[in-house]
Amino acid sequence: MQWLKRYYDMKVGGVENYSVVNIKQSEKNTKSMRVKEEKGKGELEREIGMLNESNKILRRERGFYFNKLRDLEIPLVRHIEKILYATEDDKIVIDDKGNLLITDIYTEDRIA
């Protein structure tokens, strides 16, 4: 048995200044920390619930604004493609209402 204690003392460093009062005090501190942790868990769960609700609202708003931007993007891309693919012979005009008019300069036929 003594060799086991000696081995433990060598590896762990032994127990110096063993005091029952210090051990009891650390047990009390541990118990009070557990109580604080349990109270903290309730607060954390409430905060997590609030953050989840906020996350749902933000996702819904993100989807709303993404759809608005997508609704703007589709017609704009179509107009840009028409302008980019217009030839030298095409006349590009945007009227007062914002409509894109592409006509052939020779025949005055409307292309788009």
PDB file of N, CA and C in Angstrom:
ATOM      1  N   MET A   1       0.812  -1.191   0.000  1.00  0.00           N
ATOM      2  CA  MET A   1       0.000   0.000   0.000  1.00  0.00           C
ATOM      3  C   MET A   1       0.858   1.259   0.000  1.00  0.00           C
ATOM      4  N   GLN A   2       1.965   1.200   0.670  1.00  0.00           N
ATOM      5  CA  GLN A   2       2.804   2.390   0.750  1.00  0.00           C
ATOM      6  C   GLN A   2       3.376   2.771  -0.614  1.00  0.00           C
ATOM      7  N   TRP A   3       3.688   1.755  -1.411  1.00  0.00           N
ATOM      8  CA  TRP A   3       4.234   2.068  -2.736  1.00  0.00           C
ATOM      9  C   TRP A   3       3.178   2.775  -3.602  1.00  0.00           C
ATOM     10  N   LEU A   4       1.897   2.415  -3.398  1.00  0.00           N
ATOM     11  CA  LEU A   4       0.820   3.063  -4.145  1.00  0.00           C
ATOM     12  C   LEU A   4       0.678   4.534  -3.737  1.00  0.00           C
ATOM     13  N   LYS A   5       0.760   4.795  -2.419  1.00  0.00           N
ATOM     14  CA  LYS A   5       0.691   6.172  -1.947  1.00  0.00           C
ATOM     15  C   LYS A   5       1.877   6.965  -2.460  1.00  0.00           C
ATOM     16  N   ARG A   6       3.081   6.361  -2.429  1.00  0.00           N
ATOM     17  CA  ARG A   6       4.269   7.058  -2.916  1.00  0.00           C
ATOM     18  C   ARG A   6       4.137   7.366  -4.417  1.00  0.00           C
ATOM     19  N   TYR A   7       3.632   6.400  -5.170  1.00  0.00           N
ATOM     20  CA  TYR A   7       3.444   6.602  -6.599  1.00  0.00           C
ATOM     21  C   TYR A   7       2.438   7.729  -6.845  1.00  0.00           C
ATOM     22  N   TYR A   8       1.323   7.747  -6.112  1.00  0.00           N
ATOM     23  CA  TYR A   8       0.309   8.783  -6.236  1.00  0.00           C
ATOM     24  C   TYR A   8       0.896  10.148  -5.894  1.00  0.00           C
ATOM     25  N   ASP A   9       1.659  10.199  -4.793  1.00  0.00           N
ATOM     26  CA  ASP A   9       2.273  11.464  -4.395  1.00  0.00           C
ATOM     27  C   ASP A   9       3.239  11.978  -5.447  1.00  0.00           C
ATOM     28  N   MET A  10       3.950  11.082  -6.101  1.00  0.00           N
ATOM     29  CA  MET A  10       4.900  11.494  -7.132  1.00  0.00           C
ATOM     30  C   MET A  10       4.162  12.036  -8.359  1.00  0.00           C
ATOM     31  N   LYS A  11       3.118  11.365  -8.790  1.00  0.00           N
ATOM     32  CA  LYS A  11       2.407  11.757 -10.010  1.00  0.00           C
ATOM     33  C   LYS A  11       1.477  12.942  -9.793  1.00  0.00           C
ATOM     34  N   VAL A  12       0.748  12.945  -8.692  1.00  0.00           N
ATOM     35  CA  VAL A  12      -0.237  13.989  -8.444  1.00  0.00           C
ATOM     36  C   VAL A  12       0.356  15.133  -7.634  1.00  0.00           C
ATOM     37  N   GLY A  13       1.355  14.846  -6.865  1.00  0.00           N
ATOM     38  CA  GLY A  13       1.969  15.896  -6.071  1.00  0.00           C
ATOM     39  C   GLY A  13       1.597  15.796  -4.611  1.00  0.00           C
ATOM     40  N   GLY A  14       0.830  14.800  -4.258  1.00  0.00           N
ATOM     41  CA  GLY A  14       0.481  14.613  -2.861  1.00  0.00           C
ATOM     42  C   GLY A  14      -0.509  15.636  -2.369  1.00  0.00           C
ATOM     43  N   VAL A  15      -0.941  15.455  -1.141  1.00  0.00           N
ATOM     44  CA  VAL A  15      -1.893  16.378  -0.532  1.00  0.00           C
ATOM     45  C   VAL A  15      -1.179  17.082   0.600  1.00  0.00           C
ATOM     46  N   GLU A  16      -0.987  18.372   0.436  1.00  0.00           N
ATOM     47  CA  GLU A  16      -0.353  19.153   1.495  1.00  0.00           C
ATOM     48  C   GLU A  16      -1.406  20.049   2.118  1.00  0.00           C
ATOM     49  N   ASN A  17      -1.221  20.366   3.351  1.00  0.00           N
ATOM     50  CA  ASN A  17      -2.127  21.251   4.079  1.00  0.00           C
ATOM     51  C   ASN A  17      -3.569  20.751   3.990  1.00  0.00           C
ATOM     52  N   TYR A  18      -3.765  19.483   4.296  1.00  0.00           N
ATOM     53  CA  TYR A  18      -5.096  18.900   4.284  1.00  0.00           C
ATOM     54  C   TYR A  18      -5.921  19.546   5.372  1.00  0.00           C
ATOM     55  N   SER A  19      -7.072  20.112   5.015  1.00  0.00           N
ATOM     56  CA  SER A  19      -7.905  20.791   5.980  1.00  0.00           C
ATOM     57  C   SER A  19      -9.367  20.466   5.699  1.00  0.00           C
ATOM     58  N   VAL A  20     -10.038  19.948   6.681  1.00  0.00           N
ATOM     59  CA  VAL A  20     -11.448  19.605   6.547  1.00  0.00           C
ATOM     60  C   VAL A  20     -12.277  20.870   6.343  1.00  0.00           C
ATOM     61  N   VAL A  21     -11.901  21.953   6.969  1.00  0.00           N
ATOM     62  CA  VAL A  21     -12.640  23.206   6.852  1.00  0.00           C
ATOM     63  C   VAL A  21     -12.610  23.695   5.398  1.00  0.00           C
ATOM     64  N   ASN A  22     -11.433  23.617   4.763  1.00  0.00           N
ATOM     65  CA  ASN A  22     -11.323  24.045   3.363  1.00  0.00           C
ATOM     66  C   ASN A  22     -12.159  23.154   2.445  1.00  0.00           C
ATOM     67  N   ILE A  23     -12.178  21.858   2.717  1.00  0.00           N
ATOM     68  CA  ILE A  23     -12.963  20.935   1.894  1.00  0.00           C
ATOM     69  C   ILE A  23     -14.449  21.241   2.042  1.00  0.00           C
ATOM     70  N   LYS A  24     -14.908  21.469   3.258  1.00  0.00           N
ATOM     71  CA  LYS A  24     -16.325  21.785   3.494  1.00  0.00           C
ATOM     72  C   LYS A  24     -16.701  23.105   2.801  1.00  0.00           C
ATOM     73  N   GLN A  25     -15.799  24.079   2.889  1.00  0.00           N
ATOM     74  CA  GLN A  25     -16.068  25.365   2.251  1.00  0.00           C
ATOM     75  C   GLN A  25     -16.183  25.203   0.738  1.00  0.00           C
ATOM     76  N   SER A  26     -15.324  24.392   0.134  1.00  0.00           N
ATOM     77  CA  SER A  26     -15.388  24.187  -1.311  1.00  0.00           C
ATOM     78  C   SER A  26     -16.666  23.454  -1.701  1.00  0.00           C
ATOM     79  N   GLU A  27     -17.155  22.540  -0.826  1.00  0.00           N
ATOM     80  CA  GLU A  27     -18.417  21.851  -1.099  1.00  0.00           C
ATOM     81  C   GLU A  27     -19.581  22.845  -1.078  1.00  0.00           C
ATOM     82  N   LYS A  28     -19.570  23.790  -0.143  1.00  0.00           N
ATOM     83  CA  LYS A  28     -20.624  24.795  -0.074  1.00  0.00           C
ATOM     84  C   LYS A  28     -20.593  25.677  -1.321  1.00  0.00           C
ATOM     85  N   ASN A  29     -19.389  26.054  -1.736  1.00  0.00           N
ATOM     86  CA  ASN A  29     -19.252  26.876  -2.936  1.00  0.00           C
ATOM     87  C   ASN A  29     -19.786  26.134  -4.154  1.00  0.00           C
ATOM     88  N   THR A  30     -19.505  24.836  -4.222  1.00  0.00           N
ATOM     89  CA  THR A  30     -19.976  24.030  -5.341  1.00  0.00           C
ATOM     90  C   THR A  30     -21.497  23.985  -5.366  1.00  0.00           C
ATOM     91  N   LYS A  31     -22.112  23.809  -4.205  1.00  0.00           N
ATOM     92  CA  LYS A  31     -23.576  23.770  -4.133  1.00  0.00           C
ATOM     93  C   LYS A  31     -24.181  25.108  -4.544  1.00  0.00           C
ATOM     94  N   SER A  32     -23.605  26.202  -4.079  1.00  0.00           N
ATOM     95  CA  SER A  32     -24.152  27.513  -4.433  1.00  0.00           C
ATOM     96  C   SER A  32     -23.959  27.792  -5.927  1.00  0.00           C
ATOM     97  N   MET A  33     -22.872  27.290  -6.488  1.00  0.00           N
ATOM     98  CA  MET A  33     -22.653  27.454  -7.925  1.00  0.00           C
ATOM     99  C   MET A  33     -23.693  26.668  -8.712  1.00  0.00           C
ATOM    100  N   ARG A  34     -24.067  25.483  -8.229  1.00  0.00           N
ATOM    101  CA  ARG A  34     -25.092  24.685  -8.913  1.00  0.00           C
ATOM    102  C   ARG A  34     -26.436  25.410  -8.913  1.00  0.00           C
ATOM    103  N   VAL A  35     -26.787  26.021  -7.785  1.00  0.00           N
ATOM    104  CA  VAL A  35     -28.046  26.771  -7.695  1.00  0.00           C
ATOM    105  C   VAL A  35     -28.019  27.931  -8.682  1.00  0.00           C
ATOM    106  N   LYS A  36     -26.897  28.645  -8.743  1.00  0.00           N
ATOM    107  CA  LYS A  36     -26.774  29.759  -9.678  1.00  0.00           C
ATOM    108  C   LYS A  36     -26.865  29.269 -11.120  1.00  0.00           C
ATOM    109  N   GLU A  37     -26.258  28.112 -11.396  1.00  0.00           N
ATOM    110  CA  GLU A  37     -26.314  27.559 -12.748  1.00  0.00           C
ATOM    111  C   GLU A  37     -27.744  27.216 -13.137  1.00  0.00           C
ATOM    112  N   GLU A  38     -28.520  26.641 -12.194  1.00  0.00           N
ATOM    113  CA  GLU A  38     -29.909  26.298 -12.488  1.00  0.00           C
ATOM    114  C   GLU A  38     -30.734  27.557 -12.768  1.00  0.00           C
ATOM    115  N   LYS A  39     -30.496  28.619 -11.995  1.00  0.00           N
ATOM    116  CA  LYS A  39     -31.195  29.876 -12.257  1.00  0.00           C
ATOM    117  C   LYS A  39     -30.761  30.430 -13.604  1.00  0.00           C
ATOM    118  N   GLY A  40     -29.473  30.324 -13.894  1.00  0.00           N
ATOM    119  CA  GLY A  40     -28.949  30.800 -15.163  1.00  0.00           C
ATOM    120  C   GLY A  40     -29.516  30.030 -16.343  1.00  0.00           C
ATOM    121  N   LYS A  41     -29.788  28.732 -16.147  1.00  0.00           N
ATOM    122  CA  LYS A  41     -30.358  27.921 -17.224  1.00  0.00           C
ATOM    123  C   LYS A  41     -31.730  28.430 -17.630  1.00  0.00           C
ATOM    124  N   GLY A  42     -32.541  28.802 -16.646  1.00  0.00           N
ATOM    125  CA  GLY A  42     -33.875  29.332 -16.938  1.00  0.00           C
ATOM    126  C   GLY A  42     -33.787  30.622 -17.734  1.00  0.00           C
ATOM    127  N   GLU A  43     -32.870  31.479 -17.322  1.00  0.00           N
ATOM    128  CA  GLU A  43     -32.693  32.740 -18.048  1.00  0.00           C
ATOM    129  C   GLU A  43     -32.172  32.478 -19.456  1.00  0.00           C
ATOM    130  N   LEU A  44     -31.264  31.530 -19.584  1.00  0.00           N
ATOM    131  CA  LEU A  44     -30.721  31.205 -20.908  1.00  0.00           C
ATOM    132  C   LEU A  44     -31.796  30.622 -21.820  1.00  0.00           C
ATOM    133  N   GLU A  45     -32.647  29.761 -21.268  1.00  0.00           N
ATOM    134  CA  GLU A  45     -33.722  29.176 -22.070  1.00  0.00           C
ATOM    135  C   GLU A  45     -34.689  30.255 -22.548  1.00  0.00           C
ATOM    136  N   ARG A  46     -34.979  31.215 -21.683  1.00  0.00           N
ATOM    137  CA  ARG A  46     -35.862  32.319 -22.061  1.00  0.00           C
ATOM    138  C   ARG A  46     -35.209  33.158 -23.166  1.00  0.00           C
ATOM    139  N   GLU A  47     -33.918  33.432 -23.009  1.00  0.00           N
ATOM    140  CA  GLU A  47     -33.205  34.215 -24.023  1.00  0.00           C
ATOM    141  C   GLU A  47     -33.134  33.459 -25.350  1.00  0.00           C
ATOM    142  N   ILE A  48     -32.933  32.152 -25.282  1.00  0.00           N
ATOM    143  CA  ILE A  48     -32.910  31.337 -26.502  1.00  0.00           C
ATOM    144  C   ILE A  48     -34.262  31.391 -27.198  1.00  0.00           C
ATOM    145  N   GLY A  49     -35.350  31.325 -26.432  1.00  0.00           N
ATOM    146  CA  GLY A  49     -36.688  31.432 -27.010  1.00  0.00           C
ATOM    147  C   GLY A  49     -36.902  32.768 -27.701  1.00  0.00           C
ATOM    148  N   MET A  50     -36.440  33.843 -27.062  1.00  0.00           N
ATOM    149  CA  MET A  50     -36.577  35.168 -27.659  1.00  0.00           C
ATOM    150  C   MET A  50     -35.750  35.265 -28.942  1.00  0.00           C
ATOM    151  N   LEU A  51     -34.552  34.716 -28.918  1.00  0.00           N
ATOM    152  CA  LEU A  51     -33.697  34.755 -30.107  1.00  0.00           C
ATOM    153  C   LEU A  51     -34.282  33.919 -31.244  1.00  0.00           C
ATOM    154  N   ASN A  52     -34.883  32.789 -30.920  1.00  0.00           N
ATOM    155  CA  ASN A  52     -35.520  31.968 -31.953  1.00  0.00           C
ATOM    156  C   ASN A  52     -36.688  32.708 -32.600  1.00  0.00           C
ATOM    157  N   GLU A  53     -37.478  33.387 -31.788  1.00  0.00           N
ATOM    158  CA  GLU A  53     -38.604  34.165 -32.319  1.00  0.00           C
ATOM    159  C   GLU A  53     -38.098  35.301 -33.206  1.00  0.00           C
ATOM    160  N   SER A  54     -37.059  35.972 -32.743  1.00  0.00           N
ATOM    161  CA  SER A  54     -36.460  37.042 -33.533  1.00  0.00           C
ATOM    162  C   SER A  54     -35.916  36.500 -34.848  1.00  0.00           C
ATOM    163  N   ASN A  55     -35.321  35.317 -34.789  1.00  0.00           N
ATOM    164  CA  ASN A  55     -34.776  34.679 -35.988  1.00  0.00           C
ATOM    165  C   ASN A  55     -35.886  34.390 -37.000  1.00  0.00           C
ATOM    166  N   LYS A  56     -37.036  33.907 -36.525  1.00  0.00           N
ATOM    167  CA  LYS A  56     -38.159  33.624 -37.422  1.00  0.00           C
ATOM    168  C   LYS A  56     -38.644  34.905 -38.112  1.00  0.00           C
ATOM    169  N   ILE A  57     -38.745  35.982 -37.338  1.00  0.00           N
ATOM    170  CA  ILE A  57     -39.207  37.255 -37.898  1.00  0.00           C
ATOM    171  C   ILE A  57     -38.224  37.760 -38.948  1.00  0.00           C
ATOM    172  N   LEU A  58     -36.935  37.680 -38.633  1.00  0.00           N
ATOM    173  CA  LEU A  58     -35.919  38.159 -39.577  1.00  0.00           C
ATOM    174  C   LEU A  58     -35.894  37.324 -40.854  1.00  0.00           C
ATOM    175  N   ARG A  59     -36.089  36.022 -40.732  1.00  0.00           N
ATOM    176  CA  ARG A  59     -36.138  35.174 -41.927  1.00  0.00           C
ATOM    177  C   ARG A  59     -37.337  35.534 -42.811  1.00  0.00           C
ATOM    178  N   ARG A  60     -38.473  35.805 -42.170  1.00  0.00           N
ATOM    179  CA  ARG A  60     -39.663  36.184 -42.929  1.00  0.00           C
ATOM    180  C   ARG A  60     -39.438  37.515 -43.650  1.00  0.00           C
ATOM    181  N   GLU A  61     -38.832  38.485 -42.944  1.00  0.00           N
ATOM    182  CA  GLU A  61     -38.546  39.773 -43.570  1.00  0.00           C
ATOM    183  C   GLU A  61     -37.537  39.614 -44.701  1.00  0.00           C
ATOM    184  N   ARG A  62     -36.533  38.776 -44.489  1.00  0.00           N
ATOM    185  CA  ARG A  62     -35.537  38.551 -45.537  1.00  0.00           C
ATOM    186  C   ARG A  62     -36.199  37.980 -46.781  1.00  0.00           C
ATOM    187  N   GLY A  63     -37.094  37.020 -46.601  1.00  0.00           N
ATOM    188  CA  GLY A  63     -37.813  36.437 -47.729  1.00  0.00           C
ATOM    189  C   GLY A  63     -38.676  37.463 -48.444  1.00  0.00           C
ATOM    190  N   PHE A  64     -39.336  38.333 -47.665  1.00  0.00           N
ATOM    191  CA  PHE A  64     -40.180  39.369 -48.251  1.00  0.00           C
ATOM    192  C   PHE A  64     -39.358  40.301 -49.136  1.00  0.00           C
ATOM    193  N   TYR A  65     -38.259  40.807 -48.603  1.00  0.00           N
ATOM    194  CA  TYR A  65     -37.435  41.747 -49.366  1.00  0.00           C
ATOM    195  C   TYR A  65     -36.701  41.061 -50.508  1.00  0.00           C
ATOM    196  N   PHE A  66     -36.345  39.801 -50.341  1.00  0.00           N
ATOM    197  CA  PHE A  66     -35.724  39.066 -51.442  1.00  0.00           C
ATOM    198  C   PHE A  66     -36.704  38.949 -52.608  1.00  0.00           C
ATOM    199  N   ASN A  67     -37.956  38.631 -52.305  1.00  0.00           N
ATOM    200  CA  ASN A  67     -38.971  38.528 -53.365  1.00  0.00           C
ATOM    201  C   ASN A  67     -39.200  39.872 -54.053  1.00  0.00           C
ATOM    202  N   LYS A  68     -39.186  40.964 -53.281  1.00  0.00           N
ATOM    203  CA  LYS A  68     -39.333  42.293 -53.891  1.00  0.00           C
ATOM    204  C   LYS A  68     -38.182  42.564 -54.861  1.00  0.00           C
ATOM    205  N   LEU A  69     -36.953  42.266 -54.419  1.00  0.00           N
ATOM    206  CA  LEU A  69     -35.802  42.481 -55.295  1.00  0.00           C
ATOM    207  C   LEU A  69     -35.861  41.581 -56.521  1.00  0.00           C
ATOM    208  N   ARG A  70     -36.309  40.362 -56.334  1.00  0.00           N
ATOM    209  CA  ARG A  70     -36.427  39.435 -57.466  1.00  0.00           C
ATOM    210  C   ARG A  70     -37.469  39.942 -58.462  1.00  0.00           C
ATOM    211  N   ASP A  71     -38.582  40.489 -57.943  1.00  0.00           N
ATOM    212  CA  ASP A  71     -39.606  41.056 -58.833  1.00  0.00           C
ATOM    213  C   ASP A  71     -39.056  42.224 -59.646  1.00  0.00           C
ATOM    214  N   LEU A  72     -38.134  42.974 -59.077  1.00  0.00           N
ATOM    215  CA  LEU A  72     -37.499  44.064 -59.817  1.00  0.00           C
ATOM    216  C   LEU A  72     -36.453  43.550 -60.797  1.00  0.00           C
ATOM    217  N   GLU A  73     -35.748  42.524 -60.388  1.00  0.00           N
ATOM    218  CA  GLU A  73     -34.620  42.042 -61.180  1.00  0.00           C
ATOM    219  C   GLU A  73     -35.047  41.425 -62.506  1.00  0.00           C
ATOM    220  N   ILE A  74     -36.090  40.638 -62.505  1.00  0.00           N
ATOM    221  CA  ILE A  74     -36.488  39.907 -63.713  1.00  0.00           C
ATOM    222  C   ILE A  74     -36.790  40.849 -64.877  1.00  0.00           C
ATOM    223  N   PRO A  75     -37.651  41.875 -64.711  1.00  0.00           N
ATOM    224  CA  PRO A  75     -37.881  42.777 -65.846  1.00  0.00           C
ATOM    225  C   PRO A  75     -36.629  43.574 -66.236  1.00  0.00           C
ATOM    226  N   LEU A  76     -35.845  43.967 -65.253  1.00  0.00           N
ATOM    227  CA  LEU A  76     -34.640  44.730 -65.568  1.00  0.00           C
ATOM    228  C   LEU A  76     -33.654  43.906 -66.391  1.00  0.00           C
ATOM    229  N   VAL A  77     -33.482  42.654 -66.021  1.00  0.00           N
ATOM    230  CA  VAL A  77     -32.566  41.788 -66.766  1.00  0.00           C
ATOM    231  C   VAL A  77     -33.063  41.604 -68.193  1.00  0.00           C
ATOM    232  N   ARG A  78     -34.359  41.454 -68.371  1.00  0.00           N
ATOM    233  CA  ARG A  78     -34.913  41.305 -69.725  1.00  0.00           C
ATOM    234  C   ARG A  78     -34.633  42.552 -70.568  1.00  0.00           C
ATOM    235  N   HIS A  79     -34.837  43.736 -69.971  1.00  0.00           N
ATOM    236  CA  HIS A  79     -34.560  44.979 -70.699  1.00  0.00           C
ATOM    237  C   HIS A  79     -33.072  45.106 -71.017  1.00  0.00           C
ATOM    238  N   ILE A  80     -32.246  44.785 -70.054  1.00  0.00           N
ATOM    239  CA  ILE A  80     -30.798  44.872 -70.281  1.00  0.00           C
ATOM    240  C   ILE A  80     -30.364  43.921 -71.379  1.00  0.00           C
ATOM    241  N   GLU A  81     -30.909  42.714 -71.385  1.00  0.00           N
ATOM    242  CA  GLU A  81     -30.565  41.757 -72.444  1.00  0.00           C
ATOM    243  C   GLU A  81     -30.996  42.281 -73.813  1.00  0.00           C
ATOM    244  N   LYS A  82     -32.185  42.890 -73.869  1.00  0.00           N
ATOM    245  CA  LYS A  82     -32.646  43.445 -75.143  1.00  0.00           C
ATOM    246  C   LYS A  82     -31.698  44.542 -75.622  1.00  0.00           C
ATOM    247  N   ILE A  83     -31.261  45.386 -74.705  1.00  0.00           N
ATOM    248  CA  ILE A  83     -30.340  46.460 -75.067  1.00  0.00           C
ATOM    249  C   ILE A  83     -28.991  45.888 -75.496  1.00  0.00           C
ATOM    250  N   LEU A  84     -28.491  44.914 -74.772  1.00  0.00           N
ATOM    251  CA  LEU A  84     -27.179  44.346 -75.094  1.00  0.00           C
ATOM    252  C   LEU A  84     -27.176  43.608 -76.427  1.00  0.00           C
ATOM    253  N   TYR A  85     -28.275  42.928 -76.728  1.00  0.00           N
ATOM    254  CA  TYR A  85     -28.326  42.144 -77.961  1.00  0.00           C
ATOM    255  C   TYR A  85     -28.881  42.924 -79.154  1.00  0.00           C
ATOM    256  N   ALA A  86     -29.152  44.184 -78.947  1.00  0.00           N
ATOM    257  CA  ALA A  86     -29.609  45.009 -80.069  1.00  0.00           C
ATOM    258  C   ALA A  86     -28.437  45.219 -81.033  1.00  0.00           C
ATOM    259  N   THR A  87     -28.747  45.245 -82.303  1.00  0.00           N
ATOM    260  CA  THR A  87     -27.705  45.423 -83.322  1.00  0.00           C
ATOM    261  C   THR A  87     -27.509  46.899 -83.631  1.00  0.00           C
ATOM    262  N   GLU A  88     -26.576  47.180 -84.493  1.00  0.00           N
ATOM    263  CA  GLU A  88     -26.323  48.563 -84.902  1.00  0.00           C
ATOM    264  C   GLU A  88     -27.529  49.169 -85.600  1.00  0.00           C
ATOM    265  N   ASP A  89     -28.294  48.322 -86.228  1.00  0.00           N
ATOM    266  CA  ASP A  89     -29.436  48.799 -87.005  1.00  0.00           C
ATOM    267  C   ASP A  89     -30.670  49.062 -86.138  1.00  0.00           C
ATOM    268  N   ASP A  90     -30.566  48.779 -84.868  1.00  0.00           N
ATOM    269  CA  ASP A  90     -31.718  48.958 -83.978  1.00  0.00           C
ATOM    270  C   ASP A  90     -31.624  50.302 -83.263  1.00  0.00           C
ATOM    271  N   LYS A  91     -32.760  50.953 -83.135  1.00  0.00           N
ATOM    272  CA  LYS A  91     -32.855  52.211 -82.402  1.00  0.00           C
ATOM    273  C   LYS A  91     -33.513  51.903 -81.059  1.00  0.00           C
ATOM    274  N   ILE A  92     -32.835  52.271 -79.972  1.00  0.00           N
ATOM    275  CA  ILE A  92     -33.333  51.982 -78.625  1.00  0.00           C
ATOM    276  C   ILE A  92     -33.849  53.273 -78.022  1.00  0.00           C
ATOM    277  N   VAL A  93     -35.141  53.249 -77.618  1.00  0.00           N
ATOM    278  CA  VAL A  93     -35.776  54.427 -77.043  1.00  0.00           C
ATOM    279  C   VAL A  93     -36.545  53.996 -75.804  1.00  0.00           C
ATOM    280  N   ILE A  94     -36.474  54.835 -74.782  1.00  0.00           N
ATOM    281  CA  ILE A  94     -37.287  54.609 -73.585  1.00  0.00           C
ATOM    282  C   ILE A  94     -38.283  55.755 -73.533  1.00  0.00           C
ATOM    283  N   ASP A  95     -39.581  55.408 -73.568  1.00  0.00           N
ATOM    284  CA  ASP A  95     -40.602  56.452 -73.602  1.00  0.00           C
ATOM    285  C   ASP A  95     -40.817  57.061 -72.218  1.00  0.00           C
ATOM    286  N   ASP A  96     -41.761  57.992 -72.128  1.00  0.00           N
ATOM    287  CA  ASP A  96     -42.034  58.706 -70.882  1.00  0.00           C
ATOM    288  C   ASP A  96     -42.526  57.788 -69.760  1.00  0.00           C
ATOM    289  N   LYS A  97     -43.153  56.712 -70.119  1.00  0.00           N
ATOM    290  CA  LYS A  97     -43.677  55.772 -69.118  1.00  0.00           C
ATOM    291  C   LYS A  97     -42.631  54.753 -68.673  1.00  0.00           C
ATOM    292  N   GLY A  98     -41.447  54.808 -69.274  1.00  0.00           N
ATOM    293  CA  GLY A  98     -40.387  53.878 -68.897  1.00  0.00           C
ATOM    294  C   GLY A  98     -40.362  52.618 -69.714  1.00  0.00           C
ATOM    295  N   ASN A  99     -41.174  52.564 -70.759  1.00  0.00           N
ATOM    296  CA  ASN A  99     -41.197  51.384 -71.620  1.00  0.00           C
ATOM    297  C   ASN A  99     -40.018  51.414 -72.576  1.00  0.00           C
ATOM    298  N   LEU A 100     -39.439  50.257 -72.819  1.00  0.00           N
ATOM    299  CA  LEU A 100     -38.300  50.125 -73.718  1.00  0.00           C
ATOM    300  C   LEU A 100     -38.822  49.832 -75.118  1.00  0.00           C
ATOM    301  N   LEU A 101     -38.423  50.656 -76.068  1.00  0.00           N
ATOM    302  CA  LEU A 101     -38.845  50.472 -77.458  1.00  0.00           C
ATOM    303  C   LEU A 101     -37.601  50.271 -78.315  1.00  0.00           C
ATOM    304  N   ILE A 102     -37.550  49.145 -79.010  1.00  0.00           N
ATOM    305  CA  ILE A 102     -36.453  48.867 -79.923  1.00  0.00           C
ATOM    306  C   ILE A 102     -37.047  48.752 -81.318  1.00  0.00           C
ATOM    307  N   THR A 103     -36.605  49.607 -82.208  1.00  0.00           N
ATOM    308  CA  THR A 103     -37.124  49.587 -83.581  1.00  0.00           C
ATOM    309  C   THR A 103     -35.963  49.509 -84.557  1.00  0.00           C
ATOM    310  N   ASP A 104     -36.239  48.936 -85.700  1.00  0.00           N
ATOM    311  CA  ASP A 104     -35.250  48.860 -86.779  1.00  0.00           C
ATOM    312  C   ASP A 104     -35.166  50.243 -87.416  1.00  0.00           C
ATOM    313  N   ILE A 105     -33.971  50.793 -87.556  1.00  0.00           N
ATOM    314  CA  ILE A 105     -33.837  52.166 -88.049  1.00  0.00           C
ATOM    315  C   ILE A 105     -34.195  52.289 -89.519  1.00  0.00           C
ATOM    316  N   TYR A 106     -34.138  51.186 -90.249  1.00  0.00           N
ATOM    317  CA  TYR A 106     -34.439  51.256 -91.667  1.00  0.00           C
ATOM    318  C   TYR A 106     -35.926  51.073 -91.956  1.00  0.00           C
ATOM    319  N   THR A 107     -36.547  50.156 -91.249  1.00  0.00           N
ATOM    320  CA  THR A 107     -37.961  49.861 -91.547  1.00  0.00           C
ATOM    321  C   THR A 107     -38.904  50.478 -90.519  1.00  0.00           C
ATOM    322  N   GLU A 108     -38.366  50.979 -89.418  1.00  0.00           N
ATOM    323  CA  GLU A 108     -39.153  51.545 -88.321  1.00  0.00           C
ATOM    324  C   GLU A 108     -40.128  50.517 -87.726  1.00  0.00           C
ATOM    325  N   ASP A 109     -39.839  49.241 -87.939  1.00  0.00           N
ATOM    326  CA  ASP A 109     -40.646  48.181 -87.332  1.00  0.00           C
ATOM    327  C   ASP A 109     -40.178  47.985 -85.888  1.00  0.00           C
ATOM    328  N   ARG A 110     -41.163  47.809 -85.053  1.00  0.00           N
ATOM    329  CA  ARG A 110     -40.832  47.591 -83.644  1.00  0.00           C
ATOM    330  C   ARG A 110     -40.379  46.163 -83.449  1.00  0.00           C
ATOM    331  N   ILE A 111     -39.200  46.013 -82.795  1.00  0.00           N
ATOM    332  CA  ILE A 111     -38.644  44.679 -82.538  1.00  0.00           C
ATOM    333  C   ILE A 111     -39.091  44.192 -81.161  1.00  0.00           C
ATOM    334  N   ALA A 112     -39.028  45.033 -80.183  1.00  0.00           N
ATOM    335  CA  ALA A 112     -39.405  44.622 -78.825  1.00  0.00           C
ATOM    336  C   ALA A 112     -40.274  45.670 -78.193  1.00  0.00           C
TER     337      ALA A 112
END
